[in-house]
C-alpha cells in the first residue's frame, strides 16, 4: 500500500511537474538576475582561461572540470544519446533551451 503511494507520487513528480518546475525556475532566475548567463559569458571565459597562481593548487579550468565531472555522469551521456536517437533535432533544440535556462539556475545554486 505504502509502496504504491510512493510509486504513484514518484511517477507524477518525475514526469511533467518536475519539467515545468525546472523550466519555470530557470525563467524566473534568468529574469531576476537580468540574464546573468548572457551578460557575464565573456567574463566567465576570461576567468576560466586564467592560468593558476599556485603550482600546488588547482587552476580555474581544473576546478571547472572537477565541478562538471561531479554534475555529469554516464546516465546523462546515455540519456542525451537516447534523446537524440529518438527525438532528432527537436531534442537537441530543447536540450539547448534547457541548458541556457539551467545556467541561471546553476549560478543561483553556486551563489547560495
N, C-alpha and C. Protein backbone atom coordinates (compact mmCIF):
# COMPACT_ATOMS: atom_id res chain seq x y z
N UNK A 1 0.83 -1.19 0.00
CA UNK A 1 0.00 0.00 0.00
C UNK A 1 0.88 1.26 0.00
N UNK A 2 1.80 1.33 0.97
CA UNK A 2 2.67 2.49 1.08
C UNK A 2 3.59 2.59 -0.14
N UNK A 3 4.07 1.45 -0.61
CA UNK A 3 4.94 1.44 -1.79
C UNK A 3 4.20 1.92 -3.03
N UNK A 4 2.93 1.60 -3.14
CA UNK A 4 2.13 2.06 -4.28
C UNK A 4 1.94 3.57 -4.26
N UNK A 5 1.73 4.13 -3.08
CA UNK A 5 1.57 5.58 -2.94
C UNK A 5 2.86 6.29 -3.32
N UNK A 6 3.97 5.79 -2.82
CA UNK A 6 5.27 6.39 -3.14
C UNK A 6 5.55 6.27 -4.65
N UNK A 7 5.25 5.13 -5.21
CA UNK A 7 5.46 4.92 -6.65
C UNK A 7 4.61 5.87 -7.48
N UNK A 8 3.36 6.05 -7.10
CA UNK A 8 2.47 6.97 -7.83
C UNK A 8 2.96 8.41 -7.73
N UNK A 9 3.34 8.83 -6.52
CA UNK A 9 3.87 10.19 -6.35
C UNK A 9 5.16 10.39 -7.13
N UNK A 10 6.02 9.39 -7.11
CA UNK A 10 7.28 9.48 -7.84
C UNK A 10 7.04 9.61 -9.34
N UNK A 11 6.16 8.80 -9.87
CA UNK A 11 5.85 8.88 -11.30
C UNK A 11 5.24 10.22 -11.67
N UNK A 12 4.41 10.76 -10.81
CA UNK A 12 3.78 12.06 -11.06
C UNK A 12 4.79 13.19 -11.01
N UNK A 13 5.62 13.19 -9.97
CA UNK A 13 6.58 14.28 -9.79
C UNK A 13 7.69 14.26 -10.83
N UNK A 14 8.17 13.08 -11.19
CA UNK A 14 9.29 12.99 -12.12
C UNK A 14 8.86 12.96 -13.57
N UNK A 15 7.65 13.37 -13.85
CA UNK A 15 7.22 13.47 -15.25
C UNK A 15 7.04 14.95 -15.57
N UNK A 16 5.85 15.39 -15.72
CA UNK A 16 5.60 16.74 -16.20
C UNK A 16 5.80 17.81 -15.14
N UNK A 17 5.50 17.52 -13.89
CA UNK A 17 5.60 18.53 -12.84
C UNK A 17 7.04 18.99 -12.66
N UNK A 18 7.97 18.07 -12.62
CA UNK A 18 9.38 18.43 -12.43
C UNK A 18 9.90 19.23 -13.61
N UNK A 19 9.52 18.84 -14.82
CA UNK A 19 9.96 19.57 -16.01
C UNK A 19 9.44 21.00 -15.97
N UNK A 20 8.18 21.17 -15.65
CA UNK A 20 7.59 22.51 -15.58
C UNK A 20 8.24 23.34 -14.49
N UNK A 21 8.47 22.74 -13.32
CA UNK A 21 9.11 23.48 -12.22
C UNK A 21 10.54 23.90 -12.56
N UNK A 22 11.31 23.02 -13.20
CA UNK A 22 12.69 23.36 -13.55
C UNK A 22 12.74 24.46 -14.61
N UNK A 23 11.88 24.37 -15.61
CA UNK A 23 11.85 25.43 -16.63
C UNK A 23 11.36 26.75 -16.04
N UNK A 24 10.34 26.70 -15.18
CA UNK A 24 9.85 27.92 -14.55
C UNK A 24 10.92 28.55 -13.66
N UNK A 25 11.68 27.72 -12.92
CA UNK A 25 12.75 28.24 -12.08
C UNK A 25 13.84 28.87 -12.94
N UNK A 26 14.18 28.25 -14.06
CA UNK A 26 15.19 28.81 -14.96
C UNK A 26 14.76 30.15 -15.53
N UNK A 27 13.50 30.25 -15.92
CA UNK A 27 12.98 31.53 -16.44
C UNK A 27 12.98 32.58 -15.34
N UNK A 28 12.53 32.19 -14.16
CA UNK A 28 12.49 33.12 -13.02
C UNK A 28 13.88 33.64 -12.67
N UNK A 29 14.85 32.74 -12.57
CA UNK A 29 16.22 33.14 -12.23
C UNK A 29 16.85 33.97 -13.34
N UNK A 30 16.52 33.68 -14.59
CA UNK A 30 17.03 34.49 -15.71
C UNK A 30 16.50 35.91 -15.61
N UNK A 31 15.22 36.04 -15.30
CA UNK A 31 14.62 37.38 -15.17
C UNK A 31 15.20 38.11 -13.96
N UNK A 32 15.28 37.43 -12.82
CA UNK A 32 15.74 38.08 -11.59
C UNK A 32 17.22 38.48 -11.64
N UNK A 33 18.04 37.72 -12.38
CA UNK A 33 19.47 38.05 -12.48
C UNK A 33 19.77 38.87 -13.73
N UNK A 34 18.73 39.30 -14.43
CA UNK A 34 18.87 40.10 -15.65
C UNK A 34 19.73 39.39 -16.69
N UNK A 35 19.53 38.08 -16.84
CA UNK A 35 20.24 37.32 -17.86
C UNK A 35 21.72 37.16 -17.58
N UNK A 36 22.05 36.72 -16.38
CA UNK A 36 23.45 36.60 -15.99
C UNK A 36 24.21 35.66 -16.93
N UNK A 37 23.54 34.66 -17.48
CA UNK A 37 24.22 33.72 -18.35
C UNK A 37 24.62 34.35 -19.67
N UNK A 38 23.98 35.45 -20.05
CA UNK A 38 24.35 36.17 -21.28
C UNK A 38 25.30 37.34 -20.97
N UNK A 39 24.99 38.07 -19.90
CA UNK A 39 25.79 39.25 -19.55
C UNK A 39 27.22 38.91 -19.18
N UNK A 40 27.41 37.83 -18.46
CA UNK A 40 28.73 37.51 -17.91
C UNK A 40 29.44 36.39 -18.68
N UNK A 41 29.01 36.09 -19.90
CA UNK A 41 29.59 34.99 -20.65
C UNK A 41 31.07 35.24 -20.96
N UNK A 42 31.41 36.42 -21.46
CA UNK A 42 32.80 36.74 -21.78
C UNK A 42 33.67 36.73 -20.53
N UNK A 43 33.14 37.24 -19.44
CA UNK A 43 33.88 37.25 -18.17
C UNK A 43 34.14 35.83 -17.69
N UNK A 44 33.17 34.94 -17.84
CA UNK A 44 33.37 33.56 -17.41
C UNK A 44 34.44 32.86 -18.24
N UNK A 45 34.49 33.15 -19.54
CA UNK A 45 35.54 32.59 -20.39
C UNK A 45 36.90 33.13 -19.95
N UNK A 46 36.97 34.43 -19.63
CA UNK A 46 38.23 35.04 -19.21
C UNK A 46 38.73 34.43 -17.90
N UNK A 47 37.82 34.23 -16.96
CA UNK A 47 38.22 33.68 -15.66
C UNK A 47 38.70 32.24 -15.79
N UNK A 48 38.01 31.45 -16.59
CA UNK A 48 38.40 30.05 -16.75
C UNK A 48 39.73 29.92 -17.48
N UNK A 49 40.02 30.84 -18.38
CA UNK A 49 41.25 30.77 -19.17
C UNK A 49 42.48 31.25 -18.41
N UNK A 50 42.31 31.87 -17.24
CA UNK A 50 43.45 32.35 -16.46
C UNK A 50 44.32 31.19 -16.00
N UNK A 51 45.62 31.34 -16.07
CA UNK A 51 46.49 30.29 -15.50
C UNK A 51 46.46 30.35 -13.97
N UNK A 52 46.71 29.21 -13.35
CA UNK A 52 46.72 29.15 -11.89
C UNK A 52 47.93 29.86 -11.31
N UNK A 53 47.78 30.48 -10.14
CA UNK A 53 48.87 31.19 -9.50
C UNK A 53 49.81 30.25 -8.74
N UNK A 54 49.24 29.23 -8.12
CA UNK A 54 50.00 28.33 -7.27
C UNK A 54 50.28 27.03 -8.01
N UNK A 55 51.48 26.53 -7.91
CA UNK A 55 51.83 25.28 -8.57
C UNK A 55 51.11 24.08 -7.96
N UNK A 56 50.86 24.14 -6.66
CA UNK A 56 50.23 23.01 -5.97
C UNK A 56 48.71 23.08 -5.97
N UNK A 57 48.14 24.21 -6.31
CA UNK A 57 46.69 24.38 -6.29
C UNK A 57 46.06 24.08 -7.63
N UNK A 58 44.76 24.20 -7.67
CA UNK A 58 44.00 23.98 -8.89
C UNK A 58 43.83 25.29 -9.65
N UNK A 59 43.91 25.21 -10.96
CA UNK A 59 43.60 26.39 -11.77
C UNK A 59 42.08 26.50 -11.88
N UNK A 60 41.61 27.60 -12.41
CA UNK A 60 40.17 27.78 -12.58
C UNK A 60 39.61 26.74 -13.54
N UNK A 61 40.35 26.42 -14.59
CA UNK A 61 39.90 25.41 -15.54
C UNK A 61 39.80 24.04 -14.89
N UNK A 62 40.78 23.68 -14.07
CA UNK A 62 40.75 22.39 -13.38
C UNK A 62 39.57 22.32 -12.41
N UNK A 63 39.31 23.41 -11.70
CA UNK A 63 38.16 23.44 -10.80
C UNK A 63 36.85 23.29 -11.57
N UNK A 64 36.77 23.92 -12.75
CA UNK A 64 35.57 23.78 -13.58
C UNK A 64 35.38 22.34 -14.03
N UNK A 65 36.47 21.68 -14.41
CA UNK A 65 36.37 20.30 -14.87
C UNK A 65 35.95 19.36 -13.74
N UNK A 66 36.44 19.58 -12.53
CA UNK A 66 36.04 18.77 -11.38
C UNK A 66 34.55 18.99 -11.10
N UNK A 67 34.11 20.24 -11.16
CA UNK A 67 32.70 20.54 -10.94
C UNK A 67 31.82 19.92 -12.01
N UNK A 68 32.26 19.99 -13.26
CA UNK A 68 31.49 19.39 -14.35
C UNK A 68 31.43 17.87 -14.20
N UNK A 69 32.53 17.27 -13.82
CA UNK A 69 32.55 15.81 -13.64
C UNK A 69 31.60 15.37 -12.53
N UNK A 70 31.44 16.21 -11.51
CA UNK A 70 30.53 15.83 -10.43
C UNK A 70 29.06 15.98 -10.84
N UNK A 71 28.78 16.81 -11.83
CA UNK A 71 27.41 17.02 -12.28
C UNK A 71 27.01 16.06 -13.40
N UNK A 72 27.93 15.75 -14.29
CA UNK A 72 27.62 14.95 -15.46
C UNK A 72 28.10 13.53 -15.22
N UNK A 73 27.21 12.60 -15.37
CA UNK A 73 27.57 11.20 -15.21
C UNK A 73 27.25 10.41 -16.46
N UNK A 74 27.46 9.11 -16.38
CA UNK A 74 27.19 8.27 -17.54
C UNK A 74 25.71 8.24 -17.88
N UNK A 75 24.85 8.42 -16.88
CA UNK A 75 23.41 8.47 -17.13
C UNK A 75 23.02 9.65 -18.00
N UNK A 76 23.67 10.79 -17.78
CA UNK A 76 23.39 11.96 -18.61
C UNK A 76 23.87 11.74 -20.04
N UNK A 77 25.02 11.13 -20.20
CA UNK A 77 25.55 10.89 -21.54
C UNK A 77 24.65 9.91 -22.28
N UNK A 78 24.25 8.84 -21.62
CA UNK A 78 23.35 7.86 -22.25
C UNK A 78 21.99 8.48 -22.52
N UNK A 79 21.52 9.34 -21.63
CA UNK A 79 20.22 9.99 -21.83
C UNK A 79 20.23 10.92 -23.03
N UNK A 80 21.32 11.65 -23.21
CA UNK A 80 21.42 12.57 -24.35
C UNK A 80 21.46 11.80 -25.66
N UNK A 81 22.25 10.74 -25.70
CA UNK A 81 22.33 9.97 -26.95
C UNK A 81 20.99 9.30 -27.26
N UNK A 82 20.29 8.83 -26.25
CA UNK A 82 18.97 8.24 -26.48
C UNK A 82 17.98 9.29 -26.95
N UNK A 83 18.02 10.48 -26.36
CA UNK A 83 17.11 11.55 -26.78
C UNK A 83 17.36 11.97 -28.22
N UNK A 84 18.62 12.04 -28.61
CA UNK A 84 18.94 12.43 -29.99
C UNK A 84 18.48 11.34 -30.96
N UNK A 85 18.67 10.08 -30.58
CA UNK A 85 18.22 8.99 -31.45
C UNK A 85 16.70 8.97 -31.61
N UNK A 86 15.99 9.22 -30.51
CA UNK A 86 14.53 9.15 -30.57
C UNK A 86 13.89 10.45 -31.03
N UNK A 87 14.46 11.59 -30.63
CA UNK A 87 13.82 12.88 -30.91
C UNK A 87 14.42 13.67 -32.04
N UNK A 88 15.64 13.36 -32.42
CA UNK A 88 16.27 14.07 -33.53
C UNK A 88 16.65 15.50 -33.17
N UNK A 89 16.53 16.37 -34.17
CA UNK A 89 16.97 17.76 -33.98
C UNK A 89 16.08 18.51 -33.00
N UNK A 90 14.84 18.13 -32.85
CA UNK A 90 13.96 18.76 -31.87
C UNK A 90 14.46 18.54 -30.45
N UNK A 91 14.97 17.35 -30.19
CA UNK A 91 15.52 17.06 -28.87
C UNK A 91 16.76 17.91 -28.60
N UNK A 92 17.58 18.10 -29.61
CA UNK A 92 18.79 18.92 -29.45
C UNK A 92 18.38 20.37 -29.14
N UNK A 93 17.39 20.89 -29.86
CA UNK A 93 16.92 22.26 -29.61
C UNK A 93 16.45 22.43 -28.18
N UNK A 94 15.62 21.51 -27.70
CA UNK A 94 15.09 21.66 -26.33
C UNK A 94 16.17 21.43 -25.28
N UNK A 95 17.18 20.62 -25.60
CA UNK A 95 18.30 20.49 -24.66
C UNK A 95 19.09 21.79 -24.57
N UNK A 96 19.24 22.48 -25.69
CA UNK A 96 19.93 23.77 -25.67
C UNK A 96 19.14 24.80 -24.89
N UNK A 97 17.83 24.85 -25.10
CA UNK A 97 16.98 25.80 -24.37
C UNK A 97 17.07 25.52 -22.88
N UNK A 98 16.96 24.26 -22.51
CA UNK A 98 17.04 23.89 -21.10
C UNK A 98 18.42 24.20 -20.52
N UNK A 99 19.47 24.01 -21.30
CA UNK A 99 20.83 24.31 -20.83
C UNK A 99 21.01 25.80 -20.60
N UNK A 100 20.45 26.63 -21.48
CA UNK A 100 20.56 28.08 -21.30
C UNK A 100 19.84 28.52 -20.04
N UNK A 101 18.64 27.99 -19.81
CA UNK A 101 17.92 28.33 -18.58
C UNK A 101 18.58 27.70 -17.36
N UNK A 102 19.18 26.54 -17.55
CA UNK A 102 19.86 25.87 -16.44
C UNK A 102 21.10 26.60 -15.97
N UNK A 103 21.70 27.40 -16.86
CA UNK A 103 22.88 28.18 -16.44
C UNK A 103 22.52 29.19 -15.36
N UNK A 104 21.35 29.81 -15.48
CA UNK A 104 20.92 30.74 -14.44
C UNK A 104 20.65 30.00 -13.14
N UNK A 105 20.04 28.82 -13.22
CA UNK A 105 19.81 28.02 -12.02
C UNK A 105 21.12 27.58 -11.38
N UNK A 106 22.09 27.19 -12.19
CA UNK A 106 23.39 26.80 -11.65
C UNK A 106 24.10 27.97 -10.99
N UNK A 107 23.96 29.17 -11.56
CA UNK A 107 24.57 30.36 -10.94
C UNK A 107 23.95 30.63 -9.57
N UNK A 108 22.63 30.55 -9.50
CA UNK A 108 21.95 30.79 -8.21
C UNK A 108 22.35 29.71 -7.20
N UNK A 109 22.43 28.46 -7.65
CA UNK A 109 22.82 27.36 -6.77
C UNK A 109 24.22 27.58 -6.23
N UNK A 110 25.15 27.99 -7.09
CA UNK A 110 26.52 28.24 -6.65
C UNK A 110 26.60 29.44 -5.73
N UNK A 111 25.78 30.44 -5.99
CA UNK A 111 25.76 31.64 -5.14
C UNK A 111 25.25 31.31 -3.74
N UNK A 112 24.24 30.48 -3.67
CA UNK A 112 23.69 30.11 -2.37
C UNK A 112 24.67 29.23 -1.61
